[in-house]
Structures are given as structure tokens and as C-alpha cells.
Amino acid sequence: LIMAPTQGFLRYIERVLPSLGESGVVMLTPGELF
């Protein structure tokens, strides 16, 4: 689980993990945890 502050921030980082060789990571903001 990657907890990031905003949806904009998630979009900012979302392409990094696939380019590092990983996918399928769950990314949420604090307002989506429940």
C-alpha cells in the first residue's frame, strides 16, 4: 500500500513503479482508506 497526500500526487508518481519493474501496487489517498 502506498499512501500519498492527494490524487494529483498519485498521478505524479503512478508511472514510476512500472518503470522500476513492478506493478499491482495499491495507491490511495487518506480520503480513500475506508
PDB file of all heavy atoms in Angstrom:
ATOM      1  N   LEU A   1       0.852  -1.195   0.000  1.00  0.00           N
ATOM      2  CA  LEU A   1       0.000   0.000   0.000  1.00  0.00           C
ATOM      3  C   LEU A   1       0.884   1.241   0.000  1.00  0.00           C
ATOM      4  O   LEU A   1       1.797   1.355   0.818  1.00  0.00           O
ATOM      5  CB  LEU A   1      -0.899   0.016   1.235  1.00  0.00           C
ATOM      6  CG  LEU A   1      -1.664   1.326   1.500  1.00  0.00           C
ATOM      7  CD1 LEU A   1      -2.659   1.605   0.382  1.00  0.00           C
ATOM      8  CD2 LEU A   1      -2.364   1.267   2.857  1.00  0.00           C
ATOM      9  N   ILE A   2       0.610   2.146  -0.933  1.00  0.00           N
ATOM     10  CA  ILE A   2       1.278   3.441  -0.936  1.00  0.00           C
ATOM     11  C   ILE A   2       0.230   4.500  -0.602  1.00  0.00           C
ATOM     12  O   ILE A   2      -0.749   4.668  -1.319  1.00  0.00           O
ATOM     13  CB  ILE A   2       1.940   3.740  -2.287  1.00  0.00           C
ATOM     14  CG1 ILE A   2       3.086   2.750  -2.528  1.00  0.00           C
ATOM     15  CG2 ILE A   2       2.465   5.172  -2.338  1.00  0.00           C
ATOM     16  CD1 ILE A   2       3.809   2.945  -3.832  1.00  0.00           C
ATOM     17  N   MET A   3       0.457   5.186   0.500  1.00  0.00           N
ATOM     18  CA  MET A   3      -0.451   6.240   0.949  1.00  0.00           C
ATOM     19  C   MET A   3       0.175   7.584   0.603  1.00  0.00           C
ATOM     20  O   MET A   3       1.244   7.930   1.105  1.00  0.00           O
ATOM     21  CB  MET A   3      -0.667   6.106   2.462  1.00  0.00           C
ATOM     22  CG  MET A   3      -1.528   7.189   3.079  1.00  0.00           C
ATOM     23  SD  MET A   3      -3.227   7.226   2.477  1.00  0.00           S
ATOM     24  CE  MET A   3      -3.775   5.572   2.881  1.00  0.00           C
ATOM     25  N   ALA A   4      -0.478   8.318  -0.288  1.00  0.00           N
ATOM     26  CA  ALA A   4       0.035   9.608  -0.755  1.00  0.00           C
ATOM     27  C   ALA A   4      -0.991  10.695  -0.461  1.00  0.00           C
ATOM     28  O   ALA A   4      -2.179  10.407  -0.316  1.00  0.00           O
ATOM     29  CB  ALA A   4       0.350   9.551  -2.246  1.00  0.00           C
ATOM     30  N   PRO A   5      -0.573  11.973  -0.396  1.00  0.00           N
ATOM     31  CA  PRO A   5      -1.464  13.011   0.130  1.00  0.00           C
ATOM     32  C   PRO A   5      -2.657  13.381  -0.736  1.00  0.00           C
ATOM     33  O   PRO A   5      -3.719  13.695  -0.213  1.00  0.00           O
ATOM     34  CB  PRO A   5      -0.533  14.214   0.326  1.00  0.00           C
ATOM     35  CG  PRO A   5       0.612  13.977  -0.596  1.00  0.00           C
ATOM     36  CD  PRO A   5       0.786  12.487  -0.623  1.00  0.00           C
ATOM     37  N   THR A   6      -2.513  13.373  -2.060  1.00  0.00           N
ATOM     38  CA  THR A   6      -3.592  13.836  -2.942  1.00  0.00           C
ATOM     39  C   THR A   6      -3.654  12.979  -4.195  1.00  0.00           C
ATOM     40  O   THR A   6      -2.690  12.285  -4.543  1.00  0.00           O
ATOM     41  CB  THR A   6      -3.366  15.302  -3.376  1.00  0.00           C
ATOM     42  OG1 THR A   6      -2.141  15.376  -4.138  1.00  0.00           O
ATOM     43  CG2 THR A   6      -3.274  16.233  -2.181  1.00  0.00           C
ATOM     44  N   GLN A   7      -4.776  13.060  -4.913  1.00  0.00           N
ATOM     45  CA  GLN A   7      -4.906  12.364  -6.187  1.00  0.00           C
ATOM     46  C   GLN A   7      -3.891  12.903  -7.200  1.00  0.00           C
ATOM     47  O   GLN A   7      -3.336  12.149  -7.998  1.00  0.00           O
ATOM     48  CB  GLN A   7      -6.323  12.524  -6.733  1.00  0.00           C
ATOM     49  CG  GLN A   7      -7.327  11.530  -6.169  1.00  0.00           C
ATOM     50  CD  GLN A   7      -7.025  10.106  -6.591  1.00  0.00           C
ATOM     51  OE1 GLN A   7      -6.473   9.852  -7.653  1.00  0.00           O
ATOM     52  NE2 GLN A   7      -7.387   9.160  -5.734  1.00  0.00           N
ATOM     53  N   GLY A   8      -3.677  14.217  -7.172  1.00  0.00           N
ATOM     54  CA  GLY A   8      -2.688  14.793  -8.079  1.00  0.00           C
ATOM     55  C   GLY A   8      -1.308  14.221  -7.836  1.00  0.00           C
ATOM     56  O   GLY A   8      -0.564  13.936  -8.776  1.00  0.00           O
ATOM     57  N   PHE A   9      -0.964  14.022  -6.576  1.00  0.00           N
ATOM     58  CA  PHE A   9       0.333  13.447  -6.242  1.00  0.00           C
ATOM     59  C   PHE A   9       0.415  12.002  -6.716  1.00  0.00           C
ATOM     60  O   PHE A   9       1.461  11.560  -7.210  1.00  0.00           O
ATOM     61  CB  PHE A   9       0.557  13.535  -4.735  1.00  0.00           C
ATOM     62  CG  PHE A   9       1.936  13.131  -4.303  1.00  0.00           C
ATOM     63  CD1 PHE A   9       3.004  13.979  -4.491  1.00  0.00           C
ATOM     64  CD2 PHE A   9       2.165  11.900  -3.716  1.00  0.00           C
ATOM     65  CE1 PHE A   9       4.277  13.607  -4.099  1.00  0.00           C
ATOM     66  CE2 PHE A   9       3.418  11.522  -3.316  1.00  0.00           C
ATOM     67  CZ  PHE A   9       4.489  12.377  -3.505  1.00  0.00           C
ATOM     68  N   LEU A  10      -0.683  11.253  -6.577  1.00  0.00           N
ATOM     69  CA  LEU A  10      -0.685   9.878  -7.070  1.00  0.00           C
ATOM     70  C   LEU A  10      -0.453   9.839  -8.568  1.00  0.00           C
ATOM     71  O   LEU A  10       0.282   8.982  -9.071  1.00  0.00           O
ATOM     72  CB  LEU A  10      -2.004   9.183  -6.727  1.00  0.00           C
ATOM     73  CG  LEU A  10      -2.197   8.770  -5.270  1.00  0.00           C
ATOM     74  CD1 LEU A  10      -3.556   8.118  -5.081  1.00  0.00           C
ATOM     75  CD2 LEU A  10      -1.097   7.828  -4.812  1.00  0.00           C
ATOM     76  N   ARG A  11      -1.068  10.753  -9.306  1.00  0.00           N
ATOM     77  CA  ARG A  11      -0.843  10.797 -10.754  1.00  0.00           C
ATOM     78  C   ARG A  11       0.611  11.158 -11.058  1.00  0.00           C
ATOM     79  O   ARG A  11       1.180  10.696 -12.045  1.00  0.00           O
ATOM     80  CB  ARG A  11      -1.793  11.799 -11.412  1.00  0.00           C
ATOM     81  CG  ARG A  11      -3.207  11.279 -11.535  1.00  0.00           C
ATOM     82  CD  ARG A  11      -3.996  12.073 -12.559  1.00  0.00           C
ATOM     83  NE  ARG A  11      -4.196  13.442 -12.140  1.00  0.00           N
ATOM     84  CZ  ARG A  11      -5.178  13.833 -11.336  1.00  0.00           C
ATOM     85  NH1 ARG A  11      -6.019  12.950 -10.844  1.00  0.00           N
ATOM     86  NH2 ARG A  11      -5.305  15.105 -11.015  1.00  0.00           N
ATOM     87  N   TYR A  12       1.174  11.970 -10.208  1.00  0.00           N
ATOM     88  CA  TYR A  12       2.562  12.399 -10.373  1.00  0.00           C
ATOM     89  C   TYR A  12       3.531  11.214 -10.278  1.00  0.00           C
ATOM     90  O   TYR A  12       4.505  11.125 -11.004  1.00  0.00           O
ATOM     91  CB  TYR A  12       2.860  13.444  -9.300  1.00  0.00           C
ATOM     92  CG  TYR A  12       4.260  14.000  -9.266  1.00  0.00           C
ATOM     93  CD1 TYR A  12       4.812  14.647 -10.366  1.00  0.00           C
ATOM     94  CD2 TYR A  12       5.015  13.919  -8.097  1.00  0.00           C
ATOM     95  CE1 TYR A  12       6.083  15.182 -10.309  1.00  0.00           C
ATOM     96  CE2 TYR A  12       6.283  14.455  -8.035  1.00  0.00           C
ATOM     97  CZ  TYR A  12       6.820  15.086  -9.141  1.00  0.00           C
ATOM     98  OH  TYR A  12       8.075  15.618  -9.079  1.00  0.00           O
ATOM     99  N   ILE A  13       3.228  10.274  -9.387  1.00  0.00           N
ATOM    100  CA  ILE A  13       4.156   9.177  -9.153  1.00  0.00           C
ATOM    101  C   ILE A  13       3.743   7.869  -9.813  1.00  0.00           C
ATOM    102  O   ILE A  13       4.521   6.912  -9.826  1.00  0.00           O
ATOM    103  CB  ILE A  13       4.338   8.911  -7.639  1.00  0.00           C
ATOM    104  CG1 ILE A  13       3.037   8.381  -7.019  1.00  0.00           C
ATOM    105  CG2 ILE A  13       4.821  10.157  -6.934  1.00  0.00           C
ATOM    106  CD1 ILE A  13       3.172   7.969  -5.562  1.00  0.00           C
ATOM    107  N   GLU A  14       2.537   7.791 -10.379  1.00  0.00           N
ATOM    108  CA  GLU A  14       1.981   6.497 -10.761  1.00  0.00           C
ATOM    109  C   GLU A  14       2.776   5.777 -11.836  1.00  0.00           C
ATOM    110  O   GLU A  14       2.683   4.557 -11.973  1.00  0.00           O
ATOM    111  CB  GLU A  14       0.527   6.664 -11.218  1.00  0.00           C
ATOM    112  CG  GLU A  14       0.369   7.438 -12.503  1.00  0.00           C
ATOM    113  CD  GLU A  14      -1.095   7.682 -12.858  1.00  0.00           C
ATOM    114  OE1 GLU A  14      -1.964   7.169 -12.144  1.00  0.00           O
ATOM    115  OE2 GLU A  14      -1.349   8.373 -13.842  1.00  0.00           O
ATOM    116  N   ARG A  15       3.561   6.505 -12.621  1.00  0.00           N
ATOM    117  CA  ARG A  15       4.313   5.842 -13.681  1.00  0.00           C
ATOM    118  C   ARG A  15       5.676   5.345 -13.228  1.00  0.00           C
ATOM    119  O   ARG A  15       6.394   4.719 -13.983  1.00  0.00           O
ATOM    120  CB  ARG A  15       4.489   6.797 -14.862  1.00  0.00           C
ATOM    121  CG  ARG A  15       3.177   7.148 -15.544  1.00  0.00           C
ATOM    122  CD  ARG A  15       3.387   8.057 -16.715  1.00  0.00           C
ATOM    123  NE  ARG A  15       2.121   8.471 -17.293  1.00  0.00           N
ATOM    124  CZ  ARG A  15       1.997   9.398 -18.229  1.00  0.00           C
ATOM    125  NH1 ARG A  15       3.072  10.006 -18.689  1.00  0.00           N
ATOM    126  NH2 ARG A  15       0.815   9.727 -18.700  1.00  0.00           N
ATOM    127  N   VAL A  16       6.040   5.667 -11.993  1.00  0.00           N
ATOM    128  CA  VAL A  16       7.387   5.315 -11.552  1.00  0.00           C
ATOM    129  C   VAL A  16       7.531   3.826 -11.309  1.00  0.00           C
ATOM    130  O   VAL A  16       8.449   3.188 -11.803  1.00  0.00           O
ATOM    131  CB  VAL A  16       7.762   6.101 -10.280  1.00  0.00           C
ATOM    132  CG1 VAL A  16       9.105   5.637  -9.739  1.00  0.00           C
ATOM    133  CG2 VAL A  16       7.827   7.581 -10.610  1.00  0.00           C
ATOM    134  N   LEU A  17       6.609   3.234 -10.536  1.00  0.00           N
ATOM    135  CA  LEU A  17       6.786   1.834 -10.186  1.00  0.00           C
ATOM    136  C   LEU A  17       6.793   0.902 -11.390  1.00  0.00           C
ATOM    137  O   LEU A  17       7.641   0.010 -11.452  1.00  0.00           O
ATOM    138  CB  LEU A  17       5.737   1.401  -9.165  1.00  0.00           C
ATOM    139  CG  LEU A  17       6.095   1.784  -7.729  1.00  0.00           C
ATOM    140  CD1 LEU A  17       4.948   1.504  -6.794  1.00  0.00           C
ATOM    141  CD2 LEU A  17       7.332   1.035  -7.274  1.00  0.00           C
ATOM    142  N   PRO A  18       5.893   1.050 -12.360  1.00  0.00           N
ATOM    143  CA  PRO A  18       6.013   0.179 -13.532  1.00  0.00           C
ATOM    144  C   PRO A  18       7.366   0.317 -14.216  1.00  0.00           C
ATOM    145  O   PRO A  18       7.939  -0.663 -14.678  1.00  0.00           O
ATOM    146  CB  PRO A  18       4.867   0.652 -14.437  1.00  0.00           C
ATOM    147  CG  PRO A  18       3.863   1.191 -13.493  1.00  0.00           C
ATOM    148  CD  PRO A  18       4.672   1.854 -12.405  1.00  0.00           C
ATOM    149  N   SER A  19       7.915   1.524 -14.276  1.00  0.00           N
ATOM    150  CA  SER A  19       9.207   1.697 -14.933  1.00  0.00           C
ATOM    151  C   SER A  19      10.331   1.113 -14.102  1.00  0.00           C
ATOM    152  O   SER A  19      11.423   0.883 -14.596  1.00  0.00           O
ATOM    153  CB  SER A  19       9.481   3.178 -15.200  1.00  0.00           C
ATOM    154  OG  SER A  19       9.822   3.856 -14.014  1.00  0.00           O
ATOM    155  N   LEU A  20      10.085   0.861 -12.818  1.00  0.00           N
ATOM    156  CA  LEU A  20      11.088   0.231 -11.968  1.00  0.00           C
ATOM    157  C   LEU A  20      10.977  -1.289 -12.014  1.00  0.00           C
ATOM    158  O   LEU A  20      11.747  -1.978 -11.376  1.00  0.00           O
ATOM    159  CB  LEU A  20      10.929   0.694 -10.517  1.00  0.00           C
ATOM    160  CG  LEU A  20      11.074   2.193 -10.275  1.00  0.00           C
ATOM    161  CD1 LEU A  20      10.896   2.503  -8.806  1.00  0.00           C
ATOM    162  CD2 LEU A  20      12.416   2.673 -10.751  1.00  0.00           C
ATOM    163  N   GLY A  21       9.999  -1.783 -12.729  1.00  0.00           N
ATOM    164  CA  GLY A  21       9.864  -3.228 -12.856  1.00  0.00           C
ATOM    165  C   GLY A  21       8.779  -3.822 -11.994  1.00  0.00           C
ATOM    166  O   GLY A  21       8.750  -5.015 -11.782  1.00  0.00           O
ATOM    167  N   GLU A  22       7.877  -2.994 -11.451  1.00  0.00           N
ATOM    168  CA  GLU A  22       6.815  -3.520 -10.606  1.00  0.00           C
ATOM    169  C   GLU A  22       5.472  -2.930 -11.023  1.00  0.00           C
ATOM    170  O   GLU A  22       5.383  -1.844 -11.568  1.00  0.00           O
ATOM    171  CB  GLU A  22       7.066  -3.173  -9.130  1.00  0.00           C
ATOM    172  CG  GLU A  22       8.296  -3.847  -8.547  1.00  0.00           C
ATOM    173  CD  GLU A  22       8.225  -5.358  -8.578  1.00  0.00           C
ATOM    174  OE1 GLU A  22       7.118  -5.910  -8.721  1.00  0.00           O
ATOM    175  OE2 GLU A  22       9.282  -5.984  -8.472  1.00  0.00           O
ATOM    176  N   SER A  23       4.425  -3.665 -10.749  1.00  0.00           N
ATOM    177  CA  SER A  23       3.064  -3.173 -10.976  1.00  0.00           C
ATOM    178  C   SER A  23       2.166  -3.821  -9.939  1.00  0.00           C
ATOM    179  O   SER A  23       2.584  -4.683  -9.189  1.00  0.00           O
ATOM    180  CB  SER A  23       2.585  -3.515 -12.387  1.00  0.00           C
ATOM    181  OG  SER A  23       2.586  -4.915 -12.572  1.00  0.00           O
ATOM    182  N   GLY A  24       0.925  -3.407  -9.887  1.00  0.00           N
ATOM    183  CA  GLY A  24      -0.023  -4.005  -8.958  1.00  0.00           C
ATOM    184  C   GLY A  24       0.030  -3.453  -7.558  1.00  0.00           C
ATOM    185  O   GLY A  24      -0.566  -4.024  -6.645  1.00  0.00           O
ATOM    186  N   VAL A  25       0.750  -2.362  -7.346  1.00  0.00           N
ATOM    187  CA  VAL A  25       0.792  -1.730  -6.041  1.00  0.00           C
ATOM    188  C   VAL A  25      -0.499  -0.943  -5.828  1.00  0.00           C
ATOM    189  O   VAL A  25      -1.027  -0.329  -6.748  1.00  0.00           O
ATOM    190  CB  VAL A  25       2.016  -0.795  -5.938  1.00  0.00           C
ATOM    191  CG1 VAL A  25       2.009  -0.020  -4.632  1.00  0.00           C
ATOM    192  CG2 VAL A  25       3.293  -1.610  -6.067  1.00  0.00           C
ATOM    193  N   VAL A  26      -1.032  -0.975  -4.623  1.00  0.00           N
ATOM    194  CA  VAL A  26      -2.262  -0.258  -4.296  1.00  0.00           C
ATOM    195  C   VAL A  26      -1.902   1.151  -3.840  1.00  0.00           C
ATOM    196  O   VAL A  26      -1.149   1.320  -2.883  1.00  0.00           O
ATOM    197  CB  VAL A  26      -3.050  -0.987  -3.192  1.00  0.00           C
ATOM    198  CG1 VAL A  26      -4.341  -0.237  -2.866  1.00  0.00           C
ATOM    199  CG2 VAL A  26      -3.355  -2.418  -3.611  1.00  0.00           C
ATOM    200  N   MET A  27      -2.435   2.165  -4.525  1.00  0.00           N
ATOM    201  CA  MET A  27      -2.133   3.553  -4.180  1.00  0.00           C
ATOM    202  C   MET A  27      -3.420   4.268  -3.788  1.00  0.00           C
ATOM    203  O   MET A  27      -4.393   4.281  -4.544  1.00  0.00           O
ATOM    204  CB  MET A  27      -1.453   4.261  -5.356  1.00  0.00           C
ATOM    205  CG  MET A  27      -0.128   3.639  -5.749  1.00  0.00           C
ATOM    206  SD  MET A  27       0.905   4.706  -6.788  1.00  0.00           S
ATOM    207  CE  MET A  27      -0.066   4.737  -8.288  1.00  0.00           C
ATOM    208  N   LEU A  28      -3.426   4.843  -2.595  1.00  0.00           N
ATOM    209  CA  LEU A  28      -4.601   5.519  -2.068  1.00  0.00           C
ATOM    210  C   LEU A  28      -4.216   6.860  -1.455  1.00  0.00           C
ATOM    211  O   LEU A  28      -3.062   7.072  -1.075  1.00  0.00           O
ATOM    212  CB  LEU A  28      -5.275   4.663  -0.979  1.00  0.00           C
ATOM    213  CG  LEU A  28      -5.802   3.276  -1.362  1.00  0.00           C
ATOM    214  CD1 LEU A  28      -6.274   2.542  -0.116  1.00  0.00           C
ATOM    215  CD2 LEU A  28      -6.931   3.385  -2.376  1.00  0.00           C
ATOM    216  N   THR A  29      -5.204   7.730  -1.339  1.00  0.00           N
ATOM    217  CA  THR A  29      -5.048   8.945  -0.556  1.00  0.00           C
ATOM    218  C   THR A  29      -5.701   8.718   0.810  1.00  0.00           C
ATOM    219  O   THR A  29      -6.483   7.773   0.982  1.00  0.00           O
ATOM    220  CB  THR A  29      -5.722  10.145  -1.238  1.00  0.00           C
ATOM    221  OG1 THR A  29      -7.145   9.925  -1.254  1.00  0.00           O
ATOM    222  CG2 THR A  29      -5.217  10.320  -2.668  1.00  0.00           C
ATOM    223  N   PRO A  30      -5.406   9.566   1.800  1.00  0.00           N
ATOM    224  CA  PRO A  30      -6.045   9.390   3.118  1.00  0.00           C
ATOM    225  C   PRO A  30      -7.566   9.422   3.058  1.00  0.00           C
ATOM    226  O   PRO A  30      -8.229   8.809   3.900  1.00  0.00           O
ATOM    227  CB  PRO A  30      -5.492  10.578   3.922  1.00  0.00           C
ATOM    228  CG  PRO A  30      -4.171  10.865   3.304  1.00  0.00           C
ATOM    229  CD  PRO A  30      -4.365  10.619   1.838  1.00  0.00           C
ATOM    230  N   GLY A  31      -8.124  10.095   2.061  1.00  0.00           N
ATOM    231  CA  GLY A  31      -9.572  10.162   1.939  1.00  0.00           C
ATOM    232  C   GLY A  31     -10.196   8.946   1.294  1.00  0.00           C
ATOM    233  O   GLY A  31     -11.427   8.892   1.124  1.00  0.00           O
ATOM    234  N   GLU A  32      -9.386   7.951   0.930  1.00  0.00           N
ATOM    235  CA  GLU A  32      -9.893   6.740   0.273  1.00  0.00           C
ATOM    236  C   GLU A  32      -9.624   5.476   1.083  1.00  0.00           C
ATOM    237  O   GLU A  32      -9.943   4.377   0.639  1.00  0.00           O
ATOM    238  CB  GLU A  32      -9.227   6.571  -1.099  1.00  0.00           C
ATOM    239  CG  GLU A  32      -9.499   7.711  -2.062  1.00  0.00           C
ATOM    240  CD  GLU A  32      -8.658   7.615  -3.326  1.00  0.00           C
ATOM    241  OE1 GLU A  32      -7.450   7.295  -3.216  1.00  0.00           O
ATOM    242  OE2 GLU A  32      -9.194   7.859  -4.404  1.00  0.00           O
ATOM    243  N   LEU A  33      -9.040   5.622   2.271  1.00  0.00           N
ATOM    244  CA  LEU A  33      -8.602   4.449   3.019  1.00  0.00           C
ATOM    245  C   LEU A  33      -9.765   3.587   3.486  1.00  0.00           C
ATOM    246  O   LEU A  33      -9.637   2.364   3.596  1.00  0.00           O
ATOM    247  CB  LEU A  33      -7.755   4.889   4.225  1.00  0.00           C
ATOM    248  CG  LEU A  33      -7.091   3.777   5.026  1.00  0.00           C
ATOM    249  CD1 LEU A  33      -6.098   3.006   4.153  1.00  0.00           C
ATOM    250  CD2 LEU A  33      -6.391   4.340   6.255  1.00  0.00           C
ATOM    251  N   PHE A  34     -10.903   4.201   3.765  1.00  0.00           N
ATOM    252  CA  PHE A  34     -12.056   3.430   4.223  1.00  0.00           C
ATOM    253  C   PHE A  34     -12.931   3.072   3.027  1.00  0.00           C
ATOM    254  O   PHE A  34     -13.420   3.958   2.322  1.00  0.00           O
ATOM    255  CB  PHE A  34     -12.868   4.241   5.242  1.00  0.00           C
ATOM    256  CG  PHE A  34     -13.953   3.452   5.907  1.00  0.00           C
ATOM    257  CD1 PHE A  34     -13.678   2.659   7.006  1.00  0.00           C
ATOM    258  CD2 PHE A  34     -15.253   3.484   5.425  1.00  0.00           C
ATOM    259  CE1 PHE A  34     -14.669   1.917   7.625  1.00  0.00           C
ATOM    260  CE2 PHE A  34     -16.254   2.748   6.027  1.00  0.00           C
ATOM    261  CZ  PHE A  34     -15.962   1.955   7.134  1.00  0.00           C
TER     262      PHE A  34
END
